[in-house]
Amino acid sequence: MTAPRDEAREHVGFDFHALSERERYKLMIGTIVPRPIALVTTVDPEGRINAAPFSFFNCLSADPPILALGVENHDDMSFKDTALNIRLTEVFTVNIVSHAIAEAMHACAVNFPRGVDELAMAGLTAAPGVKVASPFIHEAPAAFECRRHVTLELGRSRQIILGEIVYAHYRSEVVDTERLRVDPAQLDAIARLGGSTCATIRDRFDMATPTLAEMAERRAASSQ
């Protein structure tokens, strides 16, 4: 069965070349939803821990296992602590944000002075990495230790950092170690919408991709 067309609905358009950076940002973050949140932990060359959340984040490849972070520079174009630490150490850890640590994640977004341990300020626990120097967050339902694969410079204001996953941590109740199946209810991840709005993934439904035969049957039924 095909989706019905609503001829009465109208569309409005926006020329992105005619919009300001802020206007483009508002349209993009309000439309490309939900976006997973990466609470990224890094260390500087002296071993000081930094933690910051990013919602310009997703997985890109399983072979090799690559994920991506979009990191914006400060207004003066200097690097944020996350980008600088990754540039200097070549490693970072992406911690998945569950509903249980949502408020702590927001605390890590506070603009603390460089060198302040955001995890300590947020009441989260740093656990030693296995293959990288950056820690993972003990309270996070899952975390990926990453080595920097490549950094794409997008103009002066933003970098896309691709990281290769070298080790993964899961809380025991989150993953079936035999089938390698992650339980979304136990993961209980949150996502970012537009503005300051977040959402859970607690409402779910299954939708299998139809076969060619099933599509033919649907088309035949809709034409009757």
C-alpha atoms as a PDB file:
ATOM      1  CA  MET A   1       0.000   0.000   0.000  1.00  0.00           C
ATOM      2  CA  THR A   2       1.451   3.333  -1.026  1.00  0.00           C
ATOM      3  CA  ALA A   3       1.310   6.443   1.132  1.00  0.00           C
ATOM      4  CA  PRO A   4      -1.570   8.771   0.177  1.00  0.00           C
ATOM      5  CA  ARG A   5      -0.759  12.091  -1.444  1.00  0.00           C
ATOM      6  CA  ASP A   6      -2.193  15.214   0.120  1.00  0.00           C
ATOM      7  CA  GLU A   7      -2.567  17.666  -2.765  1.00  0.00           C
ATOM      8  CA  ALA A   8      -3.813  20.388  -0.404  1.00  0.00           C
ATOM      9  CA  ARG A   9      -0.497  20.667   1.442  1.00  0.00           C
ATOM     10  CA  GLU A  10       1.914  23.365   0.355  1.00  0.00           C
ATOM     11  CA  HIS A  11       5.687  23.488   0.649  1.00  0.00           C
ATOM     12  CA  VAL A  12       7.999  26.365   1.487  1.00  0.00           C
ATOM     13  CA  GLY A  13      11.621  26.467   0.413  1.00  0.00           C
ATOM     14  CA  PHE A  14      14.866  27.964   1.699  1.00  0.00           C
ATOM     15  CA  ASP A  15      17.967  28.790  -0.298  1.00  0.00           C
ATOM     16  CA  PHE A  16      20.762  27.741   2.070  1.00  0.00           C
ATOM     17  CA  HIS A  17      23.216  30.061   0.340  1.00  0.00           C
ATOM     18  CA  ALA A  18      20.950  32.983   1.307  1.00  0.00           C
ATOM     19  CA  LEU A  19      20.694  31.981   4.980  1.00  0.00           C
ATOM     20  CA  SER A  20      23.060  32.843   7.803  1.00  0.00           C
ATOM     21  CA  GLU A  21      25.006  30.116   9.591  1.00  0.00           C
ATOM     22  CA  ARG A  22      22.626  30.377  12.560  1.00  0.00           C
ATOM     23  CA  GLU A  23      19.548  30.110  10.332  1.00  0.00           C
ATOM     24  CA  ARG A  24      20.924  27.022   8.584  1.00  0.00           C
ATOM     25  CA  TYR A  25      21.782  25.514  11.970  1.00  0.00           C
ATOM     26  CA  LYS A  26      18.238  26.012  13.310  1.00  0.00           C
ATOM     27  CA  LEU A  27      16.666  24.321  10.294  1.00  0.00           C
ATOM     28  CA  MET A  28      19.104  21.426  10.319  1.00  0.00           C
ATOM     29  CA  ILE A  29      18.941  20.567  14.031  1.00  0.00           C
ATOM     30  CA  GLY A  30      15.155  20.888  14.045  1.00  0.00           C
ATOM     31  CA  THR A  31      14.767  18.561  11.076  1.00  0.00           C
ATOM     32  CA  ILE A  32      17.540  15.961  11.271  1.00  0.00           C
ATOM     33  CA  VAL A  33      16.185  14.205  14.351  1.00  0.00           C
ATOM     34  CA  PRO A  34      16.609  12.324  16.542  1.00  0.00           C
ATOM     35  CA  ARG A  35      20.387  12.686  16.808  1.00  0.00           C
ATOM     36  CA  PRO A  36      22.348  10.403  19.168  1.00  0.00           C
ATOM     37  CA  ILE A  37      24.446  12.141  21.783  1.00  0.00           C
ATOM     38  CA  ALA A  38      28.135  11.348  22.209  1.00  0.00           C
ATOM     39  CA  LEU A  39      29.575  12.252  25.591  1.00  0.00           C
ATOM     40  CA  VAL A  40      33.219  12.369  24.523  1.00  0.00           C
ATOM     41  CA  THR A  41      36.027  11.864  27.008  1.00  0.00           C
ATOM     42  CA  THR A  42      39.604  12.855  26.176  1.00  0.00           C
ATOM     43  CA  VAL A  43      42.828  13.574  28.005  1.00  0.00           C
ATOM     44  CA  ASP A  44      45.431  16.248  27.369  1.00  0.00           C
ATOM     45  CA  PRO A  45      49.171  15.388  27.175  1.00  0.00           C
ATOM     46  CA  GLU A  46      49.400  15.896  30.961  1.00  0.00           C
ATOM     47  CA  GLY A  47      46.650  13.325  31.538  1.00  0.00           C
ATOM     48  CA  ARG A  48      43.924  15.773  32.592  1.00  0.00           C
ATOM     49  CA  ILE A  49      40.439  14.533  31.700  1.00  0.00           C
ATOM     50  CA  ASN A  50      37.916  16.464  29.628  1.00  0.00           C
ATOM     51  CA  ALA A  51      34.315  15.501  28.854  1.00  0.00           C
ATOM     52  CA  ALA A  52      31.895  17.211  26.465  1.00  0.00           C
ATOM     53  CA  PRO A  53      28.659  16.218  24.701  1.00  0.00           C
ATOM     54  CA  PHE A  54      28.171  16.352  20.919  1.00  0.00           C
ATOM     55  CA  SER A  55      24.988  15.668  18.966  1.00  0.00           C
ATOM     56  CA  PHE A  56      26.638  15.997  15.555  1.00  0.00           C
ATOM     57  CA  PHE A  57      27.604  12.341  15.878  1.00  0.00           C
ATOM     58  CA  ASN A  58      26.904   8.998  14.217  1.00  0.00           C
ATOM     59  CA  CYS A  59      28.374   5.731  12.953  1.00  0.00           C
ATOM     60  CA  LEU A  60      29.553   5.593   9.340  1.00  0.00           C
ATOM     61  CA  SER A  61      31.131   2.195   8.725  1.00  0.00           C
ATOM     62  CA  ALA A  62      31.546  -1.258  10.261  1.00  0.00           C
ATOM     63  CA  ASP A  63      34.522  -2.298   8.114  1.00  0.00           C
ATOM     64  CA  PRO A  64      36.563  -0.473   9.242  1.00  0.00           C
ATOM     65  CA  PRO A  65      34.503   0.469  12.333  1.00  0.00           C
ATOM     66  CA  ILE A  66      34.292   4.249  11.939  1.00  0.00           C
ATOM     67  CA  LEU A  67      32.226   6.854  13.775  1.00  0.00           C
ATOM     68  CA  ALA A  68      32.136  10.607  13.210  1.00  0.00           C
ATOM     69  CA  LEU A  69      32.070  13.684  15.426  1.00  0.00           C
ATOM     70  CA  GLY A  70      31.273  17.201  14.274  1.00  0.00           C
ATOM     71  CA  VAL A  71      33.237  19.587  16.514  1.00  0.00           C
ATOM     72  CA  GLU A  72      32.803  23.346  16.216  1.00  0.00           C
ATOM     73  CA  ASN A  73      35.610  25.735  17.134  1.00  0.00           C
ATOM     74  CA  HIS A  74      35.291  28.602  19.601  1.00  0.00           C
ATOM     75  CA  ASP A  75      34.102  31.973  18.276  1.00  0.00           C
ATOM     76  CA  ASP A  76      37.732  33.097  17.935  1.00  0.00           C
ATOM     77  CA  MET A  77      38.400  29.941  15.841  1.00  0.00           C
ATOM     78  CA  SER A  78      40.553  28.358  18.543  1.00  0.00           C
ATOM     79  CA  PHE A  79      40.055  24.646  19.180  1.00  0.00           C
ATOM     80  CA  LYS A  80      37.722  23.407  21.860  1.00  0.00           C
ATOM     81  CA  ASP A  81      39.333  21.119  24.427  1.00  0.00           C
ATOM     82  CA  THR A  82      37.962  17.978  22.773  1.00  0.00           C
ATOM     83  CA  ALA A  83      39.372  18.815  19.338  1.00  0.00           C
ATOM     84  CA  LEU A  84      42.700  19.964  20.771  1.00  0.00           C
ATOM     85  CA  ASN A  85      43.121  16.879  22.945  1.00  0.00           C
ATOM     86  CA  ILE A  86      42.308  14.549  20.041  1.00  0.00           C
ATOM     87  CA  ARG A  87      44.805  16.407  17.855  1.00  0.00           C
ATOM     88  CA  LEU A  88      47.518  16.061  20.502  1.00  0.00           C
ATOM     89  CA  THR A  89      46.834  12.497  21.704  1.00  0.00           C
ATOM     90  CA  GLU A  90      45.128  10.886  18.664  1.00  0.00           C
ATOM     91  CA  VAL A  91      42.531   9.130  20.868  1.00  0.00           C
ATOM     92  CA  PHE A  92      39.085   9.694  22.358  1.00  0.00           C
ATOM     93  CA  THR A  93      36.198   7.728  23.847  1.00  0.00           C
ATOM     94  CA  VAL A  94      32.534   8.079  22.902  1.00  0.00           C
ATOM     95  CA  ASN A  95      30.166   7.341  25.779  1.00  0.00           C
ATOM     96  CA  ILE A  96      26.499   6.726  24.972  1.00  0.00           C
ATOM     97  CA  VAL A  97      24.151   8.871  27.061  1.00  0.00           C
ATOM     98  CA  SER A  98      21.332   7.043  28.819  1.00  0.00           C
ATOM     99  CA  HIS A  99      18.352   8.708  30.444  1.00  0.00           C
ATOM    100  CA  ALA A 100      19.931   7.994  33.839  1.00  0.00           C
ATOM    101  CA  ILE A 101      22.959  10.206  33.112  1.00  0.00           C
ATOM    102  CA  ALA A 102      21.179  12.852  31.030  1.00  0.00           C
ATOM    103  CA  GLU A 103      21.511  15.592  33.644  1.00  0.00           C
ATOM    104  CA  ALA A 104      25.171  14.754  34.192  1.00  0.00           C
ATOM    105  CA  MET A 105      25.735  14.987  30.449  1.00  0.00           C
ATOM    106  CA  HIS A 106      24.282  18.510  30.451  1.00  0.00           C
ATOM    107  CA  ALA A 107      26.560  19.445  33.342  1.00  0.00           C
ATOM    108  CA  CYS A 108      29.530  18.438  31.167  1.00  0.00           C
ATOM    109  CA  ALA A 109      28.394  21.033  28.598  1.00  0.00           C
ATOM    110  CA  VAL A 110      29.082  23.903  31.011  1.00  0.00           C
ATOM    111  CA  ASN A 111      31.892  26.159  29.785  1.00  0.00           C
ATOM    112  CA  PHE A 112      34.354  25.317  32.542  1.00  0.00           C
ATOM    113  CA  PRO A 113      37.917  26.703  32.363  1.00  0.00           C
ATOM    114  CA  ARG A 114      40.465  24.467  30.660  1.00  0.00           C
ATOM    115  CA  GLY A 115      41.825  21.831  33.003  1.00  0.00           C
ATOM    116  CA  VAL A 116      38.629  21.394  35.044  1.00  0.00           C
ATOM    117  CA  ASP A 117      37.512  17.746  35.250  1.00  0.00           C
ATOM    118  CA  GLU A 118      33.925  17.829  33.953  1.00  0.00           C
ATOM    119  CA  LEU A 119      33.289  14.246  35.028  1.00  0.00           C
ATOM    120  CA  ALA A 120      34.084  15.087  38.625  1.00  0.00           C
ATOM    121  CA  MET A 121      31.896  18.187  38.455  1.00  0.00           C
ATOM    122  CA  ALA A 122      29.007  16.111  37.011  1.00  0.00           C
ATOM    123  CA  GLY A 123      29.365  13.291  39.532  1.00  0.00           C
ATOM    124  CA  LEU A 124      30.452  10.727  36.941  1.00  0.00           C
ATOM    125  CA  THR A 125      33.213   8.167  37.332  1.00  0.00           C
ATOM    126  CA  ALA A 126      36.200   7.863  35.007  1.00  0.00           C
ATOM    127  CA  ALA A 127      37.293   4.268  34.353  1.00  0.00           C
ATOM    128  CA  PRO A 128      40.652   3.493  32.691  1.00  0.00           C
ATOM    129  CA  GLY A 129      40.650   2.816  28.969  1.00  0.00           C
ATOM    130  CA  VAL A 130      41.882  -0.570  27.771  1.00  0.00           C
ATOM    131  CA  LYS A 131      43.523   0.415  24.482  1.00  0.00           C
ATOM    132  CA  VAL A 132      43.575   4.206  24.658  1.00  0.00           C
ATOM    133  CA  ALA A 133      44.584   6.788  27.233  1.00  0.00           C
ATOM    134  CA  SER A 134      41.176   8.440  27.417  1.00  0.00           C
ATOM    135  CA  PRO A 135      38.844   6.974  30.064  1.00  0.00           C
ATOM    136  CA  PHE A 136      35.328   5.668  29.611  1.00  0.00           C
ATOM    137  CA  ILE A 137      32.451   6.640  31.893  1.00  0.00           C
ATOM    138  CA  HIS A 138      31.537   3.890  34.364  1.00  0.00           C
ATOM    139  CA  GLU A 139      27.883   4.979  34.502  1.00  0.00           C
ATOM    140  CA  ALA A 140      27.413   5.021  30.699  1.00  0.00           C
ATOM    141  CA  PRO A 141      25.554   2.016  29.252  1.00  0.00           C
ATOM    142  CA  ALA A 142      28.112   1.686  26.439  1.00  0.00           C
ATOM    143  CA  ALA A 143      31.333   3.323  25.327  1.00  0.00           C
ATOM    144  CA  PHE A 144      33.655   3.106  22.316  1.00  0.00           C
ATOM    145  CA  GLU A 145      37.398   3.650  22.612  1.00  0.00           C
ATOM    146  CA  CYS A 146      38.620   5.290  19.390  1.00  0.00           C
ATOM    147  CA  ARG A 147      41.819   6.230  17.607  1.00  0.00           C
ATOM    148  CA  ARG A 148      41.656   9.212  15.281  1.00  0.00           C
ATOM    149  CA  HIS A 149      41.350   7.973  11.704  1.00  0.00           C
ATOM    150  CA  VAL A 150      41.244  11.276   9.841  1.00  0.00           C
ATOM    151  CA  THR A 151      40.141  14.858  10.477  1.00  0.00           C
ATOM    152  CA  LEU A 152      38.286  16.844   7.838  1.00  0.00           C
ATOM    153  CA  GLU A 153      38.630  20.607   8.113  1.00  0.00           C
ATOM    154  CA  LEU A 154      35.397  22.327   7.022  1.00  0.00           C
ATOM    155  CA  GLY A 155      36.336  25.961   6.558  1.00  0.00           C
ATOM    156  CA  ARG A 156      37.609  27.671   9.701  1.00  0.00           C
ATOM    157  CA  SER A 157      34.792  26.863  12.058  1.00  0.00           C
ATOM    158  CA  ARG A 158      34.273  23.110  12.163  1.00  0.00           C
ATOM    159  CA  GLN A 159      36.047  19.782  11.980  1.00  0.00           C
ATOM    160  CA  ILE A 160      34.664  16.338  11.247  1.00  0.00           C
ATOM    161  CA  ILE A 161      36.714  13.866  13.251  1.00  0.00           C
ATOM    162  CA  LEU A 162      36.531  10.242  12.128  1.00  0.00           C
ATOM    163  CA  GLY A 163      37.530   7.715  14.756  1.00  0.00           C
ATOM    164  CA  GLU A 164      38.206   4.004  14.406  1.00  0.00           C
ATOM    165  CA  ILE A 165      36.666   1.989  17.226  1.00  0.00           C
ATOM    166  CA  VAL A 166      39.309  -0.223  18.835  1.00  0.00           C
ATOM    167  CA  TYR A 167      37.463  -1.395  21.962  1.00  0.00           C
ATOM    168  CA  ALA A 168      33.894  -1.338  23.296  1.00  0.00           C
ATOM    169  CA  HIS A 169      32.543  -1.367  26.849  1.00  0.00           C
ATOM    170  CA  TYR A 170      28.994  -2.390  27.780  1.00  0.00           C
ATOM    171  CA  ARG A 171      27.214  -2.672  31.069  1.00  0.00           C
ATOM    172  CA  SER A 172      26.427  -6.378  31.424  1.00  0.00           C
ATOM    173  CA  GLU A 173      22.649  -5.979  31.280  1.00  0.00           C
ATOM    174  CA  VAL A 174      22.810  -4.049  27.994  1.00  0.00           C
ATOM    175  CA  VAL A 175      24.281  -6.656  25.631  1.00  0.00           C
ATOM    176  CA  ASP A 176      23.721 -10.363  24.976  1.00  0.00           C
ATOM    177  CA  THR A 177      27.316 -11.567  24.803  1.00  0.00           C
ATOM    178  CA  GLU A 178      26.394 -14.721  22.854  1.00  0.00           C
ATOM    179  CA  ARG A 179      24.315 -13.063  20.118  1.00  0.00           C
ATOM    180  CA  LEU A 180      25.963  -9.618  20.341  1.00  0.00           C
ATOM    181  CA  ARG A 181      22.509  -8.084  20.475  1.00  0.00           C
ATOM    182  CA  VAL A 182      22.081  -4.793  22.310  1.00  0.00           C
ATOM    183  CA  ASP A 183      18.865  -4.389  24.297  1.00  0.00           C
ATOM    184  CA  PRO A 184      17.497  -0.911  23.478  1.00  0.00           C
ATOM    185  CA  ALA A 185      15.417  -0.867  26.655  1.00  0.00           C
ATOM    186  CA  GLN A 186      18.492  -1.431  28.811  1.00  0.00           C
ATOM    187  CA  LEU A 187      20.588   0.995  26.741  1.00  0.00           C
ATOM    188  CA  ASP A 188      17.825   3.591  27.303  1.00  0.00           C
ATOM    189  CA  ALA A 189      19.666   6.127  25.162  1.00  0.00           C
ATOM    190  CA  ILE A 190      18.446   9.672  24.740  1.00  0.00           C
ATOM    191  CA  ALA A 191      18.623  11.769  21.596  1.00  0.00           C
ATOM    192  CA  ARG A 192      18.768  15.451  20.747  1.00  0.00           C
ATOM    193  CA  LEU A 193      16.000  17.267  18.899  1.00  0.00           C
ATOM    194  CA  GLY A 194      15.896  20.976  18.063  1.00  0.00           C
ATOM    195  CA  GLY A 195      16.973  23.620  20.563  1.00  0.00           C
ATOM    196  CA  SER A 196      17.282  22.237  24.093  1.00  0.00           C
ATOM    197  CA  THR A 197      14.735  19.464  23.534  1.00  0.00           C
ATOM    198  CA  CYS A 198      15.757  15.842  24.035  1.00  0.00           C
ATOM    199  CA  ALA A 199      13.852  12.590  23.565  1.00  0.00           C
ATOM    200  CA  THR A 200      14.025   9.000  24.713  1.00  0.00           C
ATOM    201  CA  ILE A 201      13.821   5.961  22.409  1.00  0.00           C
ATOM    202  CA  ARG A 202      11.307   4.146  24.592  1.00  0.00           C
ATOM    203  CA  ASP A 203       8.536   4.105  21.958  1.00  0.00           C
ATOM    204  CA  ARG A 204       9.603   1.587  19.301  1.00  0.00           C
ATOM    205  CA  PHE A 205       8.125  -0.534  16.545  1.00  0.00           C
ATOM    206  CA  ASP A 206       9.489  -3.183  14.190  1.00  0.00           C
ATOM    207  CA  MET A 207       9.323  -2.663  10.430  1.00  0.00           C
ATOM    208  CA  ALA A 208      10.930  -5.306   8.241  1.00  0.00           C
ATOM    209  CA  THR A 209      12.002  -4.478   4.679  1.00  0.00           C
ATOM    210  CA  PRO A 210       9.437  -6.055   2.291  1.00  0.00           C
ATOM    211  CA  THR A 211      10.419  -8.609  -0.332  1.00  0.00           C
ATOM    212  CA  LEU A 212       9.843  -8.043  -4.049  1.00  0.00           C
ATOM    213  CA  ALA A 213       6.892 -10.451  -3.916  1.00  0.00           C
ATOM    214  CA  GLU A 214       5.298  -8.545  -1.039  1.00  0.00           C
ATOM    215  CA  MET A 215       5.730  -5.261  -2.897  1.00  0.00           C
ATOM    216  CA  ALA A 216       4.045  -6.734  -5.958  1.00  0.00           C
ATOM    217  CA  GLU A 217       1.125  -7.886  -3.810  1.00  0.00           C
ATOM    218  CA  ARG A 218       0.782  -4.422  -2.255  1.00  0.00           C
ATOM    219  CA  ARG A 219       0.791  -2.709  -5.629  1.00  0.00           C
ATOM    220  CA  ALA A 220      -1.778  -5.142  -6.977  1.00  0.00           C
ATOM    221  CA  ALA A 221      -4.039  -4.585  -3.954  1.00  0.00           C
ATOM    222  CA  SER A 222      -3.773  -0.790  -4.163  1.00  0.00           C
ATOM    223  CA  SER A 223      -4.731  -0.775  -7.851  1.00  0.00           C
ATOM    224  CA  GLN A 224      -7.981  -2.638  -7.290  1.00  0.00           C
END
